[in-house]
Amino acid sequence: MTSAFKDGLLTGKVALVTGGGSGIGAGIAKRLAEQGASVGLMGRRPEKLDEVAAAIRGAGGRALCTPCDVREYADVERSVNAVVKEFGRLDVLVCSAAGNFVAPAARLSANGFKAVVAIDLLGTFNVCRAAFEALSKEGGSIVSISAPQAFVATPAQAHVGAAKAGIEMLTKNLALEWGGAGIRVNTVVPGPTEDTEGMRRLAPDDAELQAKMKRSVPLGRWAKIDEIADAVLFLVSPAGAFITATTLVVDGGSSLVGTSLSFG
């Protein structure tokens, strides 16, 4: 990791990233660390968190691993408190933990629907609520990672669409209620993104399907994780200081044309 800035945009700040052990969450954690933030990493797989923490520390950054299940409030509260105790404050919260699988609604079990809503929506609320006190002390920023399924009907993704739509409205409500505490709350909506578990599930190792999906994106390709991380960085940096209750769509225009996915 190398910083493009002599003085990082987040020097002296502390960030906490859920789902920080892999994919987009890991990329965001590394980008925030590059810009000077001390980073807490929250996730269910300690070994994955350790890998990301090692990369951050190897580049001269500071990282703390806090294994946690975002569905369990007491577990979340313990992890948030550990980050604040270690680094002395909390300025940035990124909610990136998510679950997904392909399941047509007619074959989707109640437990499957509940599992995704619990991780995505309940988990986002749990972390935001647990972090409120610390974020309000200095005036902080929350960014939740949403998805196009929140506003684009997508085959076999009813459970994800419901959870992500909930996150979108939760974001607006928190922005309204917590603005007086100096807390900004936004979402970033990635489109199809390379090297993520979500795309491995939605578009398995099928070159023809992947090529078709890429052709359906107006910009003709999938996003890179770094591009999503840069969008989050913008929102939590001084450049985004007067932005709240906003959804930043980073999808190459794919939501303009709906979805090309079709699952039987």
Protein backbone atom coordinates (compact mmCIF):
# COMPACT_ATOMS: atom_id res chain seq x y z
CA MET A 1 0.00 0.00 0.00
CA THR A 2 1.24 3.44 -0.87
CA SER A 3 -0.37 6.78 -0.13
CA ALA A 4 -0.96 9.35 -2.84
CA PHE A 5 -0.79 12.10 -0.24
CA LYS A 6 2.13 13.35 1.82
CA ASP A 7 -0.22 13.94 4.72
CA GLY A 8 -3.08 11.49 4.81
CA LEU A 9 -6.64 12.75 4.62
CA LEU A 10 -7.43 10.77 7.78
CA THR A 11 -4.26 11.29 9.80
CA GLY A 12 -5.11 11.09 13.49
CA LYS A 13 -8.53 9.55 12.84
CA VAL A 14 -9.83 6.14 13.89
CA ALA A 15 -12.02 3.96 11.67
CA LEU A 16 -13.92 0.73 12.25
CA VAL A 17 -14.80 -1.48 9.29
CA THR A 18 -17.22 -4.39 9.55
CA GLY A 19 -16.71 -7.20 7.08
CA GLY A 20 -13.11 -6.04 7.05
CA GLY A 21 -11.56 -9.44 6.46
CA SER A 22 -12.19 -9.79 2.74
CA GLY A 23 -13.44 -8.24 -0.47
CA ILE A 24 -14.71 -4.68 -0.46
CA GLY A 25 -14.46 -4.36 3.33
CA ALA A 26 -10.79 -5.31 3.31
CA GLY A 27 -10.09 -2.91 0.44
CA ILE A 28 -11.78 -0.07 2.31
CA ALA A 29 -9.86 -0.82 5.50
CA LYS A 30 -6.56 -0.72 3.64
CA ARG A 31 -7.44 2.52 1.84
CA LEU A 32 -8.41 4.27 5.09
CA ALA A 33 -5.17 3.07 6.69
CA GLU A 34 -3.18 4.40 3.71
CA GLN A 35 -4.69 7.80 4.43
CA GLY A 36 -3.54 7.77 8.05
CA ALA A 37 -6.44 6.22 9.96
CA SER A 38 -5.95 3.66 12.70
CA VAL A 39 -8.33 0.86 11.74
CA GLY A 40 -10.42 -1.61 13.72
CA LEU A 41 -11.34 -4.70 11.74
CA MET A 42 -14.58 -6.49 12.59
CA GLY A 43 -15.63 -9.84 11.14
CA ARG A 44 -16.46 -13.44 11.95
CA ARG A 45 -13.24 -15.07 10.67
CA PRO A 46 -10.21 -14.11 12.80
CA GLU A 47 -7.72 -15.55 10.31
CA LYS A 48 -9.01 -13.28 7.54
CA LEU A 49 -8.89 -10.23 9.82
CA ASP A 50 -5.32 -11.11 10.77
CA GLU A 51 -4.28 -11.15 7.10
CA VAL A 52 -5.67 -7.67 6.48
CA ALA A 53 -4.20 -6.34 9.74
CA ALA A 54 -0.79 -7.75 8.78
CA ALA A 55 -0.95 -5.95 5.42
CA ILE A 56 -1.86 -2.67 7.11
CA ARG A 57 0.87 -3.00 9.74
CA GLY A 58 3.39 -4.04 7.08
CA ALA A 59 2.76 -0.73 5.35
CA GLY A 60 3.31 1.20 8.57
CA GLY A 61 -0.34 1.50 9.64
CA ARG A 62 -2.16 0.59 12.83
CA ALA A 63 -4.83 -2.09 13.00
CA LEU A 64 -6.79 -3.97 15.65
CA CYS A 65 -8.72 -7.17 14.99
CA THR A 66 -12.05 -7.55 16.80
CA PRO A 67 -13.73 -10.82 15.76
CA CYS A 68 -17.46 -10.37 16.08
CA ASP A 69 -20.89 -11.47 14.88
CA VAL A 70 -22.74 -8.29 13.88
CA ARG A 71 -26.07 -10.00 14.57
CA GLU A 72 -25.30 -10.08 18.30
CA TYR A 73 -25.52 -6.62 19.89
CA ALA A 74 -23.48 -7.48 23.00
CA ASP A 75 -20.71 -8.85 20.77
CA VAL A 76 -20.79 -5.70 18.63
CA GLU A 77 -20.70 -3.41 21.66
CA ARG A 78 -17.68 -5.26 23.05
CA SER A 79 -15.83 -4.87 19.73
CA VAL A 80 -16.62 -1.16 19.38
CA ASN A 81 -15.46 -0.54 22.94
CA ALA A 82 -12.23 -2.44 22.25
CA VAL A 83 -11.43 -0.19 19.29
CA VAL A 84 -12.15 2.98 21.28
CA LYS A 85 -10.05 1.73 24.19
CA GLU A 86 -7.14 0.84 21.90
CA PHE A 87 -7.07 4.02 19.81
CA GLY A 88 -8.79 6.53 22.09
CA ARG A 89 -11.63 7.63 19.79
CA LEU A 90 -13.81 6.70 16.84
CA ASP A 91 -14.34 8.94 13.81
CA VAL A 92 -15.38 6.67 10.94
CA LEU A 93 -17.64 3.64 10.79
CA VAL A 94 -17.98 1.58 7.62
CA CYS A 95 -20.68 -1.11 7.64
CA SER A 96 -19.61 -3.63 5.02
CA ALA A 97 -20.62 -6.96 6.55
CA ALA A 98 -23.11 -8.72 4.29
CA GLY A 99 -24.54 -12.07 3.32
CA ASN A 100 -25.79 -13.22 -0.06
CA PHE A 101 -26.75 -16.29 -2.03
CA VAL A 102 -28.80 -16.98 -5.12
CA ALA A 103 -32.35 -18.14 -4.35
CA PRO A 104 -35.54 -17.57 -6.34
CA ALA A 105 -38.24 -16.31 -3.97
CA ALA A 106 -40.43 -19.38 -4.53
CA ARG A 107 -37.62 -21.57 -3.20
CA LEU A 108 -36.24 -19.16 -0.59
CA SER A 109 -36.66 -20.45 2.96
CA ALA A 110 -37.80 -18.24 5.82
CA ASN A 111 -34.51 -18.96 7.58
CA GLY A 112 -32.54 -17.95 4.49
CA PHE A 113 -34.43 -14.66 4.23
CA LYS A 114 -33.98 -14.03 7.95
CA ALA A 115 -30.25 -14.77 7.80
CA VAL A 116 -29.53 -12.11 5.17
CA VAL A 117 -31.74 -9.49 6.83
CA ALA A 118 -30.06 -10.23 10.17
CA ILE A 119 -26.53 -9.80 8.84
CA ASP A 120 -27.16 -6.87 6.52
CA LEU A 121 -29.90 -4.79 8.14
CA LEU A 122 -29.89 -5.76 11.81
CA GLY A 123 -26.08 -5.94 11.76
CA THR A 124 -25.85 -2.43 10.33
CA PHE A 125 -28.19 -1.06 12.99
CA ASN A 126 -26.32 -2.89 15.77
CA VAL A 127 -22.97 -1.43 14.81
CA CYS A 128 -24.31 2.09 14.24
CA ARG A 129 -26.13 2.06 17.55
CA ALA A 130 -23.12 0.71 19.46
CA ALA A 131 -20.84 3.32 17.87
CA PHE A 132 -23.15 6.30 18.38
CA GLU A 133 -21.70 7.55 21.65
CA ALA A 134 -18.09 7.40 20.46
CA LEU A 135 -18.88 8.96 17.07
CA SER A 136 -20.82 11.81 18.64
CA LYS A 137 -17.88 12.93 20.76
CA GLU A 138 -15.89 14.26 17.83
CA GLY A 139 -18.51 14.34 15.10
CA GLY A 140 -18.12 11.23 12.96
CA SER A 141 -19.06 9.67 9.66
CA ILE A 142 -20.90 6.44 8.87
CA VAL A 143 -20.92 4.78 5.45
CA SER A 144 -22.92 1.63 4.84
CA ILE A 145 -22.26 -0.52 1.80
CA SER A 146 -25.58 -1.08 0.06
CA ALA A 147 -26.34 -2.70 -3.31
CA PRO A 148 -28.29 -2.00 -6.51
CA GLN A 149 -30.78 -4.66 -5.40
CA ALA A 150 -32.13 -2.01 -3.00
CA PHE A 151 -33.77 -0.20 -5.93
CA VAL A 152 -33.40 -2.49 -8.96
CA ALA A 153 -35.54 -5.64 -8.91
CA THR A 154 -33.17 -8.56 -9.43
CA PRO A 155 -34.07 -12.22 -9.99
CA ALA A 156 -33.24 -14.53 -7.07
CA GLN A 157 -32.32 -11.58 -4.84
CA ALA A 158 -35.55 -10.70 -3.00
CA HIS A 159 -33.88 -11.25 0.38
CA VAL A 160 -30.93 -8.99 -0.47
CA GLY A 161 -33.17 -6.31 -1.98
CA ALA A 162 -35.30 -6.19 1.16
CA ALA A 163 -32.27 -5.95 3.45
CA LYS A 164 -30.48 -3.32 1.40
CA ALA A 165 -33.62 -1.21 0.95
CA GLY A 166 -33.89 -1.24 4.73
CA ILE A 167 -30.33 0.02 5.01
CA GLU A 168 -31.11 2.87 2.62
CA MET A 169 -34.02 4.09 4.76
CA LEU A 170 -32.13 3.46 8.02
CA THR A 171 -29.37 5.70 6.64
CA LYS A 172 -31.82 8.54 6.03
CA ASN A 173 -33.38 8.22 9.46
CA LEU A 174 -30.02 8.16 11.24
CA ALA A 175 -28.81 11.13 9.21
CA LEU A 176 -31.92 13.05 10.27
CA GLU A 177 -31.71 12.11 13.95
CA TRP A 178 -27.94 12.16 14.43
CA GLY A 179 -27.03 15.23 12.40
CA GLY A 180 -27.31 17.33 15.52
CA ALA A 181 -24.58 15.19 17.09
CA GLY A 182 -22.31 15.99 14.14
CA ILE A 183 -22.64 12.51 12.63
CA ARG A 184 -22.97 12.19 8.85
CA VAL A 185 -24.58 9.01 7.50
CA ASN A 186 -24.37 7.88 3.86
CA THR A 187 -24.37 4.79 1.69
CA VAL A 188 -22.19 3.62 -1.18
CA VAL A 189 -23.76 1.31 -3.75
CA PRO A 190 -21.14 -0.72 -5.64
CA GLY A 191 -22.06 -2.26 -8.94
CA PRO A 192 -20.55 -5.58 -10.05
CA THR A 193 -17.07 -5.61 -8.51
CA GLU A 194 -14.10 -7.82 -9.35
CA ASP A 195 -12.57 -10.20 -6.80
CA THR A 196 -15.51 -10.23 -4.40
CA GLU A 197 -17.45 -13.12 -2.89
CA GLY A 198 -20.69 -11.57 -4.08
CA MET A 199 -19.68 -11.79 -7.73
CA ARG A 200 -18.31 -15.30 -7.26
CA ARG A 201 -21.76 -16.30 -6.03
CA LEU A 202 -23.78 -14.34 -8.59
CA ALA A 203 -21.50 -15.07 -11.56
CA PRO A 204 -19.61 -18.32 -10.99
CA ASP A 205 -16.50 -19.17 -13.00
CA ASP A 206 -18.34 -18.89 -16.28
CA ALA A 207 -16.49 -16.78 -18.84
CA GLU A 208 -19.49 -16.47 -21.16
CA LEU A 209 -21.82 -15.29 -18.38
CA GLN A 210 -19.22 -12.86 -17.05
CA ALA A 211 -18.62 -11.42 -20.53
CA LYS A 212 -22.38 -10.95 -20.99
CA MET A 213 -22.65 -9.20 -17.63
CA LYS A 214 -19.75 -6.87 -18.42
CA ARG A 215 -21.27 -5.94 -21.77
CA SER A 216 -24.46 -4.93 -19.94
CA VAL A 217 -22.57 -2.30 -17.93
CA PRO A 218 -22.50 1.03 -19.80
CA LEU A 219 -18.81 1.48 -18.96
CA GLY A 220 -18.16 -2.04 -20.26
CA ARG A 221 -16.45 -3.53 -17.22
CA TRP A 222 -16.78 -4.37 -13.56
CA ALA A 223 -15.51 -2.09 -10.80
CA LYS A 224 -12.25 -2.59 -8.99
CA ILE A 225 -12.32 -2.82 -5.21
CA ASP A 226 -10.04 0.24 -5.02
CA GLU A 227 -12.64 2.30 -6.85
CA ILE A 228 -15.28 1.46 -4.25
CA ALA A 229 -12.79 2.21 -1.47
CA ASP A 230 -12.05 5.61 -2.99
CA ALA A 231 -15.76 6.48 -2.99
CA VAL A 232 -15.94 5.67 0.72
CA LEU A 233 -12.79 7.70 1.35
CA PHE A 234 -14.36 10.70 -0.35
CA LEU A 235 -17.45 10.55 1.85
CA VAL A 236 -15.56 10.19 5.15
CA SER A 237 -12.87 12.74 4.27
CA PRO A 238 -13.04 16.54 4.66
CA ALA A 239 -14.14 16.67 1.00
CA GLY A 240 -17.47 15.17 2.06
CA ALA A 241 -17.95 17.27 5.17
CA PHE A 242 -21.39 18.62 4.16
CA ILE A 243 -22.76 15.41 2.65
CA THR A 244 -25.25 13.31 4.59
CA ALA A 245 -28.30 11.11 3.83
CA THR A 246 -26.84 10.52 0.36
CA THR A 247 -26.52 7.35 -1.70
CA LEU A 248 -23.41 7.38 -3.87
CA VAL A 249 -23.88 4.87 -6.69
CA VAL A 250 -20.59 3.50 -8.03
CA ASP A 251 -21.78 1.03 -10.64
CA GLY A 252 -20.52 2.16 -14.03
CA GLY A 253 -24.12 2.95 -14.97
CA SER A 254 -25.34 -0.63 -14.61
CA SER A 255 -28.43 0.32 -12.58
CA LEU A 256 -29.62 2.41 -15.54
CA VAL A 257 -30.23 -0.74 -17.55
CA GLY A 258 -31.53 -3.02 -14.80
CA THR A 259 -30.07 -6.50 -14.52
CA SER A 260 -29.03 -9.07 -17.06
CA LEU A 261 -29.06 -11.85 -14.51
CA SER A 262 -31.61 -14.60 -14.92
CA PHE A 263 -31.93 -17.53 -12.55
CA GLY A 264 -34.42 -20.37 -12.87
